[in-house]
Protein backbone atom coordinates (compact mmCIF):
# COMPACT_ATOMS: atom_id res chain seq x y z
CA MET A 1 3.86 -0.85 -26.03
CA GLU A 2 5.52 -1.97 -22.81
CA TRP A 3 4.17 -0.87 -19.40
CA GLN A 4 6.40 1.74 -17.62
CA LEU A 5 6.45 2.57 -13.87
CA PRO A 6 4.29 5.65 -13.16
CA THR A 7 6.60 8.71 -12.25
CA HIS A 8 4.92 9.09 -8.81
CA ILE A 9 6.29 5.54 -7.64
CA PRO A 10 10.00 5.47 -6.83
CA GLU A 11 12.23 2.84 -8.48
CA HIS A 12 13.52 1.75 -5.15
CA ILE A 13 11.74 1.38 -2.01
CA PRO A 14 13.71 -0.06 0.98
CA THR A 15 12.85 -3.25 2.58
CA GLY A 16 11.30 -2.60 5.99
CA ALA A 17 10.12 0.84 5.31
CA ARG A 18 6.73 1.54 6.73
CA VAL A 19 4.43 3.11 3.93
CA VAL A 20 0.97 3.99 3.23
CA VAL A 21 -0.20 2.84 -0.22
CA ARG A 22 -3.65 4.00 -1.78
CA THR A 23 -4.91 1.70 -4.57
CA ALA A 24 -7.68 2.27 -7.04
CA ILE A 25 -10.31 -0.46 -6.96
CA GLY A 26 -12.59 0.72 -9.60
CA VAL A 27 -15.74 2.73 -10.20
CA ASP A 28 -18.75 2.04 -8.10
CA PRO A 29 -21.64 1.31 -10.32
CA ALA A 30 -24.19 2.76 -7.77
CA ASP A 31 -22.66 6.31 -7.67
CA GLY A 32 -20.21 6.33 -10.64
CA ARG A 33 -17.30 7.36 -8.35
CA MET A 34 -13.82 6.01 -8.18
CA LYS A 35 -13.26 3.97 -5.08
CA PHE A 36 -9.93 3.43 -3.24
CA ARG A 37 -8.40 1.07 -0.75
CA ASP A 38 -5.52 1.99 1.57
CA TYR A 39 -2.81 -0.19 3.00
CA VAL A 40 -0.39 0.71 5.77
CA GLY A 41 2.43 -1.65 6.54
CA HIS A 42 6.03 -2.70 5.92
CA VAL A 43 7.70 -3.36 2.60
CA ARG A 44 8.92 -7.03 2.10
CA ALA A 45 9.87 -6.54 -1.59
CA TRP A 46 9.52 -4.18 -4.49
CA ASN A 47 10.52 -5.19 -8.06
CA GLY A 48 8.92 -2.19 -10.06
CA VAL A 49 5.83 -4.36 -10.74
CA THR A 50 4.65 -5.73 -7.47
CA LEU A 51 4.85 -4.36 -4.03
CA GLU A 52 5.00 -7.08 -1.45
CA LEU A 53 3.66 -5.60 1.98
CA THR A 54 3.15 -6.92 5.41
CA ARG A 55 -0.07 -4.98 6.25
CA ASP A 56 -0.27 -3.82 9.87
CA ALA A 57 -2.93 -5.30 12.11
CA ALA A 58 -5.68 -2.87 12.91
CA ALA A 59 -4.91 -0.74 15.98
CA ASN A 60 -8.42 -1.88 17.46
CA GLY A 61 -7.59 -5.57 16.95
CA SER A 62 -10.31 -6.07 14.38
CA ARG A 63 -8.08 -7.25 11.74
CA PRO A 64 -4.74 -9.14 12.07
CA ALA A 65 -1.57 -8.40 10.24
CA GLU A 66 -1.64 -9.83 6.69
CA GLU A 67 0.76 -10.23 3.73
CA VAL A 68 -0.46 -8.59 0.60
CA SER A 69 0.75 -8.14 -3.07
CA ILE A 70 -0.10 -4.96 -4.73
CA ASP A 71 0.07 -4.50 -8.39
CA ALA A 72 1.95 -1.24 -9.30
CA ARG A 73 -0.64 -0.36 -12.00
CA THR A 74 -3.30 0.17 -9.23
CA ILE A 75 -1.14 2.34 -6.94
CA VAL A 76 -2.34 5.90 -6.90
CA ARG A 77 -0.19 7.31 -4.06
CA LEU A 78 2.61 5.90 -1.94
CA LYS A 79 4.40 7.67 0.84
CA PRO A 80 6.48 6.75 4.05
CA VAL A 81 4.84 6.96 7.51
CA PRO A 82 6.23 7.00 10.87
CA GLU A 83 6.02 3.73 13.14
CA ARG A 84 3.13 3.53 15.46
CA PRO A 85 3.85 4.99 18.91
CA VAL A 86 4.45 2.27 21.46
CA MET A 87 1.77 2.23 24.11
CA ARG A 88 3.09 1.90 27.64
CA ARG A 89 0.83 0.52 30.33
């Protein structure tokens, strides 16, 4: 049986769109609960199998921006989010 795109993930995601993606990372053996990781950033590419994302830097400066590849089979939720507000000094 061939893998098919889950119905909750769109076939087309525009390049440059800012999205939040929740991925399942597995069950924690200590408590038996499913664990998730969230990514917020801009789409570089989407081919229906892998989402290429430029992850935003942390707002507090603790993590730089990074390029990530996300396997579609791990995506639990994906939705568009607005750009961060520009802070004026």
